[in-house]
Amino acid sequence: MQHKVSRRVSALGLIAGVALTAAALAADTTGNGNGVTLVNGSNHHIYAYTRYGDGSCEGKPRSQTASIEAGQSVTIDSGGSSVCFCLQVPERRTCPSGWSEVKAGGTRHLQ
């Protein structure tokens, strides 16, 4: 009788562990503030000039150029900060067409 109880407890523990692992993985893929995904929905290559970290778009301390093929996406690992992007080469931290901002954990589809 005790073996049946032990097996049930072990099975329940295993099920609980699997459920917690699945919940943690789901949290990672639903946008927990650890980056921003840029999706190229066009049929041509896009360069996105990004800035992230604390501050306004012009003042964000880190920058990265993302090269995104048609139909592909890229994730900018910005930690918990938003990402500002420009589709033209910025001039002295100023985007000629204006910066667009995506909140941490978000996704932006580009055309």
PDB file of N, CA and C in Angstrom:
ATOM      1  N   MET A   1       0.811  -1.185   0.000  1.00  0.00           N
ATOM      2  CA  MET A   1       0.000   0.000   0.000  1.00  0.00           C
ATOM      3  C   MET A   1       0.864   1.263   0.000  1.00  0.00           C
ATOM      4  N   GLN A   2       1.961   1.226   0.777  1.00  0.00           N
ATOM      5  CA  GLN A   2       2.825   2.397   0.839  1.00  0.00           C
ATOM      6  C   GLN A   2       3.507   2.652  -0.496  1.00  0.00           C
ATOM      7  N   HIS A   3       3.773   1.610  -1.263  1.00  0.00           N
ATOM      8  CA  HIS A   3       4.396   1.792  -2.561  1.00  0.00           C
ATOM      9  C   HIS A   3       3.475   2.567  -3.491  1.00  0.00           C
ATOM     10  N   LYS A   4       2.152   2.289  -3.427  1.00  0.00           N
ATOM     11  CA  LYS A   4       1.200   3.012  -4.257  1.00  0.00           C
ATOM     12  C   LYS A   4       1.177   4.491  -3.901  1.00  0.00           C
ATOM     13  N   VAL A   5       1.211   4.790  -2.590  1.00  0.00           N
ATOM     14  CA  VAL A   5       1.199   6.183  -2.141  1.00  0.00           C
ATOM     15  C   VAL A   5       2.484   6.871  -2.580  1.00  0.00           C
ATOM     16  N   SER A   6       3.635   6.200  -2.431  1.00  0.00           N
ATOM     17  CA  SER A   6       4.914   6.771  -2.851  1.00  0.00           C
ATOM     18  C   SER A   6       4.921   7.055  -4.340  1.00  0.00           C
ATOM     19  N   ARG A   7       4.394   6.143  -5.127  1.00  0.00           N
ATOM     20  CA  ARG A   7       4.353   6.335  -6.573  1.00  0.00           C
ATOM     21  C   ARG A   7       3.460   7.518  -6.939  1.00  0.00           C
ATOM     22  N   ARG A   8       2.321   7.636  -6.249  1.00  0.00           N
ATOM     23  CA  ARG A   8       1.413   8.750  -6.523  1.00  0.00           C
ATOM     24  C   ARG A   8       2.068  10.081  -6.172  1.00  0.00           C
ATOM     25  N   VAL A   9       2.729  10.120  -5.029  1.00  0.00           N
ATOM     26  CA  VAL A   9       3.406  11.349  -4.611  1.00  0.00           C
ATOM     27  C   VAL A   9       4.517  11.688  -5.595  1.00  0.00           C
ATOM     28  N   SER A  10       5.278  10.676  -5.998  1.00  0.00           N
ATOM     29  CA  SER A  10       6.348  10.903  -6.975  1.00  0.00           C
ATOM     30  C   SER A  10       5.783  11.382  -8.306  1.00  0.00           C
ATOM     31  N   ALA A  11       4.693  10.768  -8.743  1.00  0.00           N
ATOM     32  CA  ALA A  11       4.074  11.157 -10.006  1.00  0.00           C
ATOM     33  C   ALA A  11       3.547  12.588  -9.921  1.00  0.00           C
ATOM     34  N   LEU A  12       2.912  12.930  -8.818  1.00  0.00           N
ATOM     35  CA  LEU A  12       2.408  14.295  -8.652  1.00  0.00           C
ATOM     36  C   LEU A  12       3.553  15.309  -8.621  1.00  0.00           C
ATOM     37  N   GLY A  13       4.640  14.950  -7.959  1.00  0.00           N
ATOM     38  CA  GLY A  13       5.816  15.830  -7.928  1.00  0.00           C
ATOM     39  C   GLY A  13       6.396  16.036  -9.315  1.00  0.00           C
ATOM     40  N   LEU A  14       6.466  14.969 -10.089  1.00  0.00           N
ATOM     41  CA  LEU A  14       6.971  15.050 -11.452  1.00  0.00           C
ATOM     42  C   LEU A  14       6.071  15.925 -12.318  1.00  0.00           C
ATOM     43  N   ILE A  15       4.763  15.726 -12.190  1.00  0.00           N
ATOM     44  CA  ILE A  15       3.805  16.531 -12.959  1.00  0.00           C
ATOM     45  C   ILE A  15       3.924  18.006 -12.575  1.00  0.00           C
ATOM     46  N   ALA A  16       4.047  18.287 -11.285  1.00  0.00           N
ATOM     47  CA  ALA A  16       4.189  19.674 -10.829  1.00  0.00           C
ATOM     48  C   ALA A  16       5.467  20.290 -11.383  1.00  0.00           C
ATOM     49  N   GLY A  17       6.554  19.531 -11.385  1.00  0.00           N
ATOM     50  CA  GLY A  17       7.820  20.032 -11.938  1.00  0.00           C
ATOM     51  C   GLY A  17       7.716  20.342 -13.413  1.00  0.00           C
ATOM     52  N   VAL A  18       7.058  19.469 -14.175  1.00  0.00           N
ATOM     53  CA  VAL A  18       6.867  19.701 -15.611  1.00  0.00           C
ATOM     54  C   VAL A  18       6.010  20.947 -15.834  1.00  0.00           C
ATOM     55  N   ALA A  19       4.946  21.102 -15.044  1.00  0.00           N
ATOM     56  CA  ALA A  19       4.065  22.266 -15.177  1.00  0.00           C
ATOM     57  C   ALA A  19       4.816  23.557 -14.880  1.00  0.00           C
ATOM     58  N   LEU A  20       5.647  23.561 -13.847  1.00  0.00           N
ATOM     59  CA  LEU A  20       6.419  24.761 -13.519  1.00  0.00           C
ATOM     60  C   LEU A  20       7.436  25.085 -14.606  1.00  0.00           C
ATOM     61  N   THR A  21       8.079  24.061 -15.139  1.00  0.00           N
ATOM     62  CA  THR A  21       9.030  24.279 -16.225  1.00  0.00           C
ATOM     63  C   THR A  21       8.331  24.850 -17.455  1.00  0.00           C
ATOM     64  N   ALA A  22       7.177  24.301 -17.802  1.00  0.00           N
ATOM     65  CA  ALA A  22       6.415  24.797 -18.950  1.00  0.00           C
ATOM     66  C   ALA A  22       5.994  26.240 -18.733  1.00  0.00           C
ATOM     67  N   ALA A  23       5.588  26.591 -17.513  1.00  0.00           N
ATOM     68  CA  ALA A  23       5.194  27.970 -17.214  1.00  0.00           C
ATOM     69  C   ALA A  23       6.383  28.917 -17.354  1.00  0.00           C
ATOM     70  N   ALA A  24       7.557  28.490 -16.894  1.00  0.00           N
ATOM     71  CA  ALA A  24       8.751  29.322 -17.009  1.00  0.00           C
ATOM     72  C   ALA A  24       9.129  29.537 -18.471  1.00  0.00           C
ATOM     73  N   LEU A  25       9.052  28.479 -19.284  1.00  0.00           N
ATOM     74  CA  LEU A  25       9.354  28.617 -20.706  1.00  0.00           C
ATOM     75  C   LEU A  25       8.349  29.529 -21.395  1.00  0.00           C
ATOM     76  N   ALA A  26       7.093  29.434 -21.042  1.00  0.00           N
ATOM     77  CA  ALA A  26       6.069  30.295 -21.630  1.00  0.00           C
ATOM     78  C   ALA A  26       6.339  31.747 -21.271  1.00  0.00           C
ATOM     79  N   ALA A  27       6.764  32.015 -20.064  1.00  0.00           N
ATOM     80  CA  ALA A  27       7.073  33.382 -19.657  1.00  0.00           C
ATOM     81  C   ALA A  27       8.227  33.936 -20.470  1.00  0.00           C
ATOM     82  N   ASP A  28       9.221  33.094 -20.796  1.00  0.00           N
ATOM     83  CA  ASP A  28      10.351  33.546 -21.588  1.00  0.00           C
ATOM     84  C   ASP A  28       9.941  33.910 -23.010  1.00  0.00           C
ATOM     85  N   THR A  29       8.973  33.254 -23.579  1.00  0.00           N
ATOM     86  CA  THR A  29       8.614  33.504 -24.965  1.00  0.00           C
ATOM     87  C   THR A  29       7.517  34.545 -25.127  1.00  0.00           C
ATOM     88  N   THR A  30       6.875  34.960 -24.054  1.00  0.00           N
ATOM     89  CA  THR A  30       5.793  35.927 -24.182  1.00  0.00           C
ATOM     90  C   THR A  30       6.251  37.349 -23.931  1.00  0.00           C
ATOM     91  N   GLY A  31       7.513  37.577 -23.766  1.00  0.00           N
ATOM     92  CA  GLY A  31       7.989  38.936 -23.603  1.00  0.00           C
ATOM     93  C   GLY A  31       8.015  39.368 -22.151  1.00  0.00           C
ATOM     94  N   ASN A  32       9.084  39.031 -21.471  1.00  0.00           N
ATOM     95  CA  ASN A  32       9.185  39.379 -20.060  1.00  0.00           C
ATOM     96  C   ASN A  32      10.075  40.587 -19.851  1.00  0.00           C
ATOM     97  N   GLY A  33      10.259  41.396 -20.885  1.00  0.00           N
ATOM     98  CA  GLY A  33      11.050  42.596 -20.732  1.00  0.00           C
ATOM     99  C   GLY A  33      12.529  42.401 -20.967  1.00  0.00           C
ATOM    100  N   ASN A  34      12.958  41.312 -21.582  1.00  0.00           N
ATOM    101  CA  ASN A  34      14.373  41.072 -21.799  1.00  0.00           C
ATOM    102  C   ASN A  34      14.836  41.380 -23.211  1.00  0.00           C
ATOM    103  N   GLY A  35      14.063  42.085 -23.968  1.00  0.00           N
ATOM    104  CA  GLY A  35      14.488  42.439 -25.309  1.00  0.00           C
ATOM    105  C   GLY A  35      13.312  42.849 -26.159  1.00  0.00           C
ATOM    106  N   VAL A  36      13.624  43.220 -27.379  1.00  0.00           N
ATOM    107  CA  VAL A  36      12.625  43.656 -28.352  1.00  0.00           C
ATOM    108  C   VAL A  36      12.880  42.903 -29.644  1.00  0.00           C
ATOM    109  N   THR A  37      11.823  42.438 -30.279  1.00  0.00           N
ATOM    110  CA  THR A  37      11.945  41.726 -31.546  1.00  0.00           C
ATOM    111  C   THR A  37      11.477  42.625 -32.680  1.00  0.00           C
ATOM    112  N   LEU A  38      12.312  42.728 -33.717  1.00  0.00           N
ATOM    113  CA  LEU A  38      11.966  43.463 -34.930  1.00  0.00           C
ATOM    114  C   LEU A  38      11.764  42.447 -36.037  1.00  0.00           C
ATOM    115  N   VAL A  39      10.609  42.490 -36.698  1.00  0.00           N
ATOM    116  CA  VAL A  39      10.252  41.531 -37.734  1.00  0.00           C
ATOM    117  C   VAL A  39      10.208  42.264 -39.072  1.00  0.00           C
ATOM    118  N   ASN A  40      10.930  41.755 -40.055  1.00  0.00           N
ATOM    119  CA  ASN A  40      10.926  42.341 -41.401  1.00  0.00           C
ATOM    120  C   ASN A  40       9.827  41.665 -42.222  1.00  0.00           C
ATOM    121  N   GLY A  41       8.704  42.343 -42.371  1.00  0.00           N
ATOM    122  CA  GLY A  41       7.590  41.811 -43.135  1.00  0.00           C
ATOM    123  C   GLY A  41       7.627  42.197 -44.598  1.00  0.00           C
ATOM    124  N   SER A  42       8.690  42.850 -45.020  1.00  0.00           N
ATOM    125  CA  SER A  42       8.790  43.268 -46.422  1.00  0.00           C
ATOM    126  C   SER A  42       9.487  42.191 -47.247  1.00  0.00           C
ATOM    127  N   ASN A  43       9.649  42.470 -48.528  1.00  0.00           N
ATOM    128  CA  ASN A  43      10.344  41.511 -49.397  1.00  0.00           C
ATOM    129  C   ASN A  43      11.741  42.017 -49.756  1.00  0.00           C
ATOM    130  N   HIS A  44      12.281  42.952 -48.964  1.00  0.00           N
ATOM    131  CA  HIS A  44      13.648  43.418 -49.174  1.00  0.00           C
ATOM    132  C   HIS A  44      14.379  43.524 -47.829  1.00  0.00           C
ATOM    133  N   HIS A  45      15.682  43.564 -47.901  1.00  0.00           N
ATOM    134  CA  HIS A  45      16.554  43.636 -46.731  1.00  0.00           C
ATOM    135  C   HIS A  45      16.392  44.989 -46.040  1.00  0.00           C
ATOM    136  N   ILE A  46      16.431  44.985 -44.701  1.00  0.00           N
ATOM    137  CA  ILE A  46      16.300  46.221 -43.923  1.00  0.00           C
ATOM    138  C   ILE A  46      17.455  46.320 -42.930  1.00  0.00           C
ATOM    139  N   TYR A  47      17.964  47.540 -42.766  1.00  0.00           N
ATOM    140  CA  TYR A  47      18.876  47.843 -41.668  1.00  0.00           C
ATOM    141  C   TYR A  47      18.091  48.671 -40.664  1.00  0.00           C
ATOM    142  N   ALA A  48      18.135  48.285 -39.393  1.00  0.00           N
ATOM    143  CA  ALA A  48      17.507  49.061 -38.328  1.00  0.00           C
ATOM    144  C   ALA A  48      18.616  49.513 -37.388  1.00  0.00           C
ATOM    145  N   TYR A  49      18.706  50.811 -37.195  1.00  0.00           N
ATOM    146  CA  TYR A  49      19.705  51.397 -36.308  1.00  0.00           C
ATOM    147  C   TYR A  49      19.026  51.575 -34.957  1.00  0.00           C
ATOM    148  N   THR A  50      19.514  50.872 -33.936  1.00  0.00           N
ATOM    149  CA  THR A  50      18.818  50.841 -32.646  1.00  0.00           C
ATOM    150  C   THR A  50      19.633  51.496 -31.546  1.00  0.00           C
ATOM    151  N   ARG A  51      18.908  51.999 -30.535  1.00  0.00           N
ATOM    152  CA  ARG A  51      19.509  52.552 -29.325  1.00  0.00           C
ATOM    153  C   ARG A  51      18.704  52.007 -28.152  1.00  0.00           C
ATOM    154  N   TYR A  52      19.383  51.656 -27.062  1.00  0.00           N
ATOM    155  CA  TYR A  52      18.700  51.137 -25.888  1.00  0.00           C
ATOM    156  C   TYR A  52      19.492  51.433 -24.627  1.00  0.00           C
ATOM    157  N   GLY A  53      18.823  51.305 -23.507  1.00  0.00           N
ATOM    158  CA  GLY A  53      19.384  51.664 -22.207  1.00  0.00           C
ATOM    159  C   GLY A  53      18.500  52.750 -21.607  1.00  0.00           C
ATOM    160  N   ASP A  54      18.975  53.402 -20.566  1.00  0.00           N
ATOM    161  CA  ASP A  54      18.189  54.453 -19.918  1.00  0.00           C
ATOM    162  C   ASP A  54      18.247  55.750 -20.717  1.00  0.00           C
ATOM    163  N   GLY A  55      17.190  56.527 -20.613  1.00  0.00           N
ATOM    164  CA  GLY A  55      17.164  57.846 -21.234  1.00  0.00           C
ATOM    165  C   GLY A  55      16.252  57.925 -22.435  1.00  0.00           C
ATOM    166  N   SER A  56      16.264  59.105 -23.059  1.00  0.00           N
ATOM    167  CA  SER A  56      15.474  59.333 -24.268  1.00  0.00           C
ATOM    168  C   SER A  56      16.139  58.614 -25.435  1.00  0.00           C
ATOM    169  N   CYS A  57      15.459  58.565 -26.557  1.00  0.00           N
ATOM    170  CA  CYS A  57      16.017  57.843 -27.714  1.00  0.00           C
ATOM    171  C   CYS A  57      17.395  58.366 -28.099  1.00  0.00           C
ATOM    172  N   GLU A  58      17.556  59.684 -28.142  1.00  0.00           N
ATOM    173  CA  GLU A  58      18.853  60.258 -28.515  1.00  0.00           C
ATOM    174  C   GLU A  58      19.916  60.003 -27.453  1.00  0.00           C
ATOM    175  N   GLY A  59      19.492  59.906 -26.182  1.00  0.00           N
ATOM    176  CA  GLY A  59      20.441  59.769 -25.091  1.00  0.00           C
ATOM    177  C   GLY A  59      20.728  58.351 -24.651  1.00  0.00           C
ATOM    178  N   LYS A  60      20.063  57.367 -25.217  1.00  0.00           N
ATOM    179  CA  LYS A  60      20.296  55.979 -24.795  1.00  0.00           C
ATOM    180  C   LYS A  60      21.761  55.622 -25.052  1.00  0.00           C
ATOM    181  N   PRO A  61      22.429  55.016 -24.074  1.00  0.00           N
ATOM    182  CA  PRO A  61      23.874  54.823 -24.151  1.00  0.00           C
ATOM    183  C   PRO A  61      24.361  53.721 -25.099  1.00  0.00           C
ATOM    184  N   ARG A  62      23.538  52.745 -25.420  1.00  0.00           N
ATOM    185  CA  ARG A  62      23.997  51.627 -26.251  1.00  0.00           C
ATOM    186  C   ARG A  62      23.339  51.681 -27.621  1.00  0.00           C
ATOM    187  N   SER A  63      24.076  51.240 -28.625  1.00  0.00           N
ATOM    188  CA  SER A  63      23.519  51.210 -29.980  1.00  0.00           C
ATOM    189  C   SER A  63      23.911  49.910 -30.663  1.00  0.00           C
ATOM    190  N   GLN A  64      23.105  49.540 -31.632  1.00  0.00           N
ATOM    191  CA  GLN A  64      23.355  48.316 -32.401  1.00  0.00           C
ATOM    192  C   GLN A  64      22.679  48.470 -33.750  1.00  0.00           C
ATOM    193  N   THR A  65      23.349  48.031 -34.799  1.00  0.00           N
ATOM    194  CA  THR A  65      22.742  48.009 -36.123  1.00  0.00           C
ATOM    195  C   THR A  65      22.263  46.593 -36.383  1.00  0.00           C
ATOM    196  N   ALA A  66      20.976  46.464 -36.687  1.00  0.00           N
ATOM    197  CA  ALA A  66      20.389  45.155 -36.957  1.00  0.00           C
ATOM    198  C   ALA A  66      20.199  45.001 -38.458  1.00  0.00           C
ATOM    199  N   SER A  67      20.731  43.953 -39.013  1.00  0.00           N
ATOM    200  CA  SER A  67      20.578  43.615 -40.427  1.00  0.00           C
ATOM    201  C   SER A  67      19.536  42.510 -40.513  1.00  0.00           C
ATOM    202  N   ILE A  68      18.383  42.824 -41.132  1.00  0.00           N
ATOM    203  CA  ILE A  68      17.262  41.880 -41.117  1.00  0.00           C
ATOM    204  C   ILE A  68      16.865  41.527 -42.545  1.00  0.00           C
ATOM    205  N   GLU A  69      17.030  40.272 -42.900  1.00  0.00           N
ATOM    206  CA  GLU A  69      16.639  39.793 -44.225  1.00  0.00           C
ATOM    207  C   GLU A  69      15.118  39.783 -44.355  1.00  0.00           C
ATOM    208  N   ALA A  70      14.627  39.800 -45.581  1.00  0.00           N
ATOM    209  CA  ALA A  70      13.191  39.756 -45.845  1.00  0.00           C
ATOM    210  C   ALA A  70      12.573  38.522 -45.185  1.00  0.00           C
ATOM    211  N   GLY A  71      11.470  38.729 -44.460  1.00  0.00           N
ATOM    212  CA  GLY A  71      10.768  37.627 -43.818  1.00  0.00           C
ATOM    213  C   GLY A  71      11.408  37.112 -42.548  1.00  0.00           C
ATOM    214  N   GLN A  72      12.494  37.725 -42.102  1.00  0.00           N
ATOM    215  CA  GLN A  72      13.206  37.270 -40.901  1.00  0.00           C
ATOM    216  C   GLN A  72      12.963  38.243 -39.747  1.00  0.00           C
ATOM    217  N   SER A  73      13.475  37.896 -38.577  1.00  0.00           N
ATOM    218  CA  SER A  73      13.380  38.771 -37.416  1.00  0.00           C
ATOM    219  C   SER A  73      14.699  38.763 -36.665  1.00  0.00           C
ATOM    220  N   VAL A  74      14.855  39.755 -35.804  1.00  0.00           N
ATOM    221  CA  VAL A  74      16.029  39.852 -34.950  1.00  0.00           C
ATOM    222  C   VAL A  74      15.557  40.336 -33.583  1.00  0.00           C
ATOM    223  N   THR A  75      16.198  39.834 -32.531  1.00  0.00           N
ATOM    224  CA  THR A  75      15.878  40.272 -31.180  1.00  0.00           C
ATOM    225  C   THR A  75      17.046  41.081 -30.637  1.00  0.00           C
ATOM    226  N   ILE A  76      16.735  42.278 -30.166  1.00  0.00           N
ATOM    227  CA  ILE A  76      17.724  43.150 -29.545  1.00  0.00           C
ATOM    228  C   ILE A  76      17.661  42.873 -28.047  1.00  0.00           C
ATOM    229  N   ASP A  77      18.755  42.391 -27.473  1.00  0.00           N
ATOM    230  CA  ASP A  77      18.802  42.060 -26.046  1.00  0.00           C
ATOM    231  C   ASP A  77      19.051  43.345 -25.264  1.00  0.00           C
ATOM    232  N   SER A  78      17.966  44.024 -24.921  1.00  0.00           N
ATOM    233  CA  SER A  78      18.055  45.328 -24.265  1.00  0.00           C
ATOM    234  C   SER A  78      17.820  45.261 -22.760  1.00  0.00           C
ATOM    235  N   GLY A  79      17.771  44.069 -22.209  1.00  0.00           N
ATOM    236  CA  GLY A  79      17.454  43.949 -20.789  1.00  0.00           C
ATOM    237  C   GLY A  79      16.029  44.413 -20.562  1.00  0.00           C
ATOM    238  N   GLY A  80      15.807  45.231 -19.583  1.00  0.00           N
ATOM    239  CA  GLY A  80      14.474  45.726 -19.282  1.00  0.00           C
ATOM    240  C   GLY A  80      14.152  47.059 -19.919  1.00  0.00           C
ATOM    241  N   SER A  81      15.028  47.569 -20.780  1.00  0.00           N
ATOM    242  CA  SER A  81      14.770  48.891 -21.364  1.00  0.00           C
ATOM    243  C   SER A  81      14.084  48.779 -22.719  1.00  0.00           C
ATOM    244  N   SER A  82      13.421  49.859 -23.093  1.00  0.00           N
ATOM    245  CA  SER A  82      12.808  49.926 -24.410  1.00  0.00           C
ATOM    246  C   SER A  82      13.905  50.078 -25.459  1.00  0.00           C
ATOM    247  N   VAL A  83      13.539  49.882 -26.718  1.00  0.00           N
ATOM    248  CA  VAL A  83      14.470  50.036 -27.827  1.00  0.00           C
ATOM    249  C   VAL A  83      13.911  51.085 -28.772  1.00  0.00           C
ATOM    250  N   CYS A  84      14.744  52.039 -29.145  1.00  0.00           N
ATOM    251  CA  CYS A  84      14.385  53.016 -30.161  1.00  0.00           C
ATOM    252  C   CYS A  84      15.071  52.582 -31.446  1.00  0.00           C
ATOM    253  N   PHE A  85      14.362  52.702 -32.583  1.00  0.00           N
ATOM    254  CA  PHE A  85      14.994  52.322 -33.838  1.00  0.00           C
ATOM    255  C   PHE A  85      14.706  53.355 -34.917  1.00  0.00           C
ATOM    256  N   CYS A  86      15.606  53.369 -35.884  1.00  0.00           N
ATOM    257  CA  CYS A  86      15.526  54.279 -37.015  1.00  0.00           C
ATOM    258  C   CYS A  86      15.878  53.466 -38.258  1.00  0.00           C
ATOM    259  N   LEU A  87      15.160  53.681 -39.341  1.00  0.00           N
ATOM    260  CA  LEU A  87      15.442  52.939 -40.573  1.00  0.00           C
ATOM    261  C   LEU A  87      16.352  53.715 -41.523  1.00  0.00           C
ATOM    262  N   GLN A  88      16.818  54.887 -41.077  1.00  0.00           N
ATOM    263  CA  GLN A  88      17.806  55.672 -41.807  1.00  0.00           C
ATOM    264  C   GLN A  88      19.028  55.833 -40.911  1.00  0.00           C
ATOM    265  N   VAL A  89      20.174  56.078 -41.499  1.00  0.00           N
ATOM    266  CA  VAL A  89      21.389  56.247 -40.698  1.00  0.00           C
ATOM    267  C   VAL A  89      21.236  57.493 -39.826  1.00  0.00           C
ATOM    268  N   PRO A  90      21.323  57.331 -38.497  1.00  0.00           N
ATOM    269  CA  PRO A  90      21.196  58.496 -37.608  1.00  0.00           C
ATOM    270  C   PRO A  90      22.368  59.461 -37.785  1.00  0.00           C
ATOM    271  N   GLU A  91      22.074  60.746 -37.621  1.00  0.00           N
ATOM    272  CA  GLU A  91      23.106  61.786 -37.690  1.00  0.00           C
ATOM    273  C   GLU A  91      23.262  62.376 -36.301  1.00  0.00           C
ATOM    274  N   ARG A  92      24.418  62.135 -35.681  1.00  0.00           N
ATOM    275  CA  ARG A  92      24.684  62.625 -34.326  1.00  0.00           C
ATOM    276  C   ARG A  92      23.556  62.283 -33.361  1.00  0.00           C
ATOM    277  N   ARG A  93      23.182  61.012 -33.345  1.00  0.00           N
ATOM    278  CA  ARG A  93      22.151  60.470 -32.454  1.00  0.00           C
ATOM    279  C   ARG A  93      20.737  60.919 -32.809  1.00  0.00           C
ATOM    280  N   THR A  94      20.557  61.643 -33.884  1.00  0.00           N
ATOM    281  CA  THR A  94      19.233  62.098 -34.300  1.00  0.00           C
ATOM    282  C   THR A  94      18.807  61.307 -35.531  1.00  0.00           C
ATOM    283  N   CYS A  95      17.597  60.757 -35.499  1.00  0.00           N
ATOM    284  CA  CYS A  95      17.072  60.012 -36.644  1.00  0.00           C
ATOM    285  C   CYS A  95      16.394  60.998 -37.586  1.00  0.00           C
ATOM    286  N   PRO A  96      16.806  61.043 -38.868  1.00  0.00           N
ATOM    287  CA  PRO A  96      16.219  61.989 -39.814  1.00  0.00           C
ATOM    288  C   PRO A  96      14.691  61.867 -39.943  1.00  0.00           C
ATOM    289  N   SER A  97      14.158  60.651 -39.812  1.00  0.00           N
ATOM    290  CA  SER A  97      12.710  60.457 -39.940  1.00  0.00           C
ATOM    291  C   SER A  97      12.016  60.358 -38.572  1.00  0.00           C
ATOM    292  N   GLY A  98      12.768  60.485 -37.502  1.00  0.00           N
ATOM    293  CA  GLY A  98      12.222  60.383 -36.152  1.00  0.00           C
ATOM    294  C   GLY A  98      12.360  58.972 -35.603  1.00  0.00           C
ATOM    295  N   TRP A  99      12.714  58.862 -34.332  1.00  0.00           N
ATOM    296  CA  TRP A  99      12.872  57.573 -33.680  1.00  0.00           C
ATOM    297  C   TRP A  99      11.514  56.944 -33.410  1.00  0.00           C
ATOM    298  N   SER A 100      11.436  55.631 -33.536  1.00  0.00           N
ATOM    299  CA  SER A 100      10.268  54.850 -33.117  1.00  0.00           C
ATOM    300  C   SER A 100      10.704  54.023 -31.916  1.00  0.00           C
ATOM    301  N   GLU A 101       9.829  53.908 -30.928  1.00  0.00           N
ATOM    302  CA  GLU A 101      10.195  53.205 -29.700  1.00  0.00           C
ATOM    303  C   GLU A 101       9.312  51.981 -29.497  1.00  0.00           C
ATOM    304  N   VAL A 102       9.940  50.889 -29.040  1.00  0.00           N
ATOM    305  CA  VAL A 102       9.236  49.652 -28.728  1.00  0.00           C
ATOM    306  C   VAL A 102       9.537  49.329 -27.276  1.00  0.00           C
ATOM    307  N   LYS A 103       8.499  49.096 -26.493  1.00  0.00           N
ATOM    308  CA  LYS A 103       8.672  48.778 -25.074  1.00  0.00           C
ATOM    309  C   LYS A 103       9.345  47.415 -24.914  1.00  0.00           C
ATOM    310  N   ALA A 104      10.076  47.269 -23.821  1.00  0.00           N
ATOM    311  CA  ALA A 104      10.764  46.016 -23.521  1.00  0.00           C
ATOM    312  C   ALA A 104       9.777  44.857 -23.566  1.00  0.00           C
ATOM    313  N   GLY A 105      10.180  43.777 -24.207  1.00  0.00           N
ATOM    314  CA  GLY A 105       9.337  42.605 -24.350  1.00  0.00           C
ATOM    315  C   GLY A 105       8.414  42.660 -25.564  1.00  0.00           C
ATOM    316  N   GLY A 106       8.441  43.773 -26.290  1.00  0.00           N
ATOM    317  CA  GLY A 106       7.527  43.961 -27.415  1.00  0.00           C
ATOM    318  C   GLY A 106       8.087  43.492 -28.742  1.00  0.00           C
ATOM    319  N   THR A 107       7.207  43.494 -29.735  1.00  0.00           N
ATOM    320  CA  THR A 107       7.563  43.124 -31.102  1.00  0.00           C
ATOM    321  C   THR A 107       7.057  44.198 -32.031  1.00  0.00           C
ATOM    322  N   ARG A 108       7.862  44.582 -33.028  1.00  0.00           N
ATOM    323  CA  ARG A 108       7.434  45.552 -34.030  1.00  0.00           C
ATOM    324  C   ARG A 108       7.614  44.933 -35.399  1.00  0.00           C
ATOM    325  N   HIS A 109       6.571  44.988 -36.199  1.00  0.00           N
ATOM    326  CA  HIS A 109       6.600  44.486 -37.572  1.00  0.00           C
ATOM    327  C   HIS A 109       6.919  45.644 -38.504  1.00  0.00           C
ATOM    328  N   LEU A 110       7.969  45.482 -39.285  1.00  0.00           N
ATOM    329  CA  LEU A 110       8.423  46.529 -40.210  1.00  0.00           C
ATOM    330  C   LEU A 110       8.051  46.137 -41.631  1.00  0.00           C
ATOM    331  N   GLN A 111       7.716  47.100 -42.431  1.00  0.00           N
ATOM    332  CA  GLN A 111       7.361  46.849 -43.833  1.00  0.00           C
ATOM    333  C   GLN A 111       8.382  47.446 -44.741  1.00  0.00           C
TER     334      GLN A 111
END
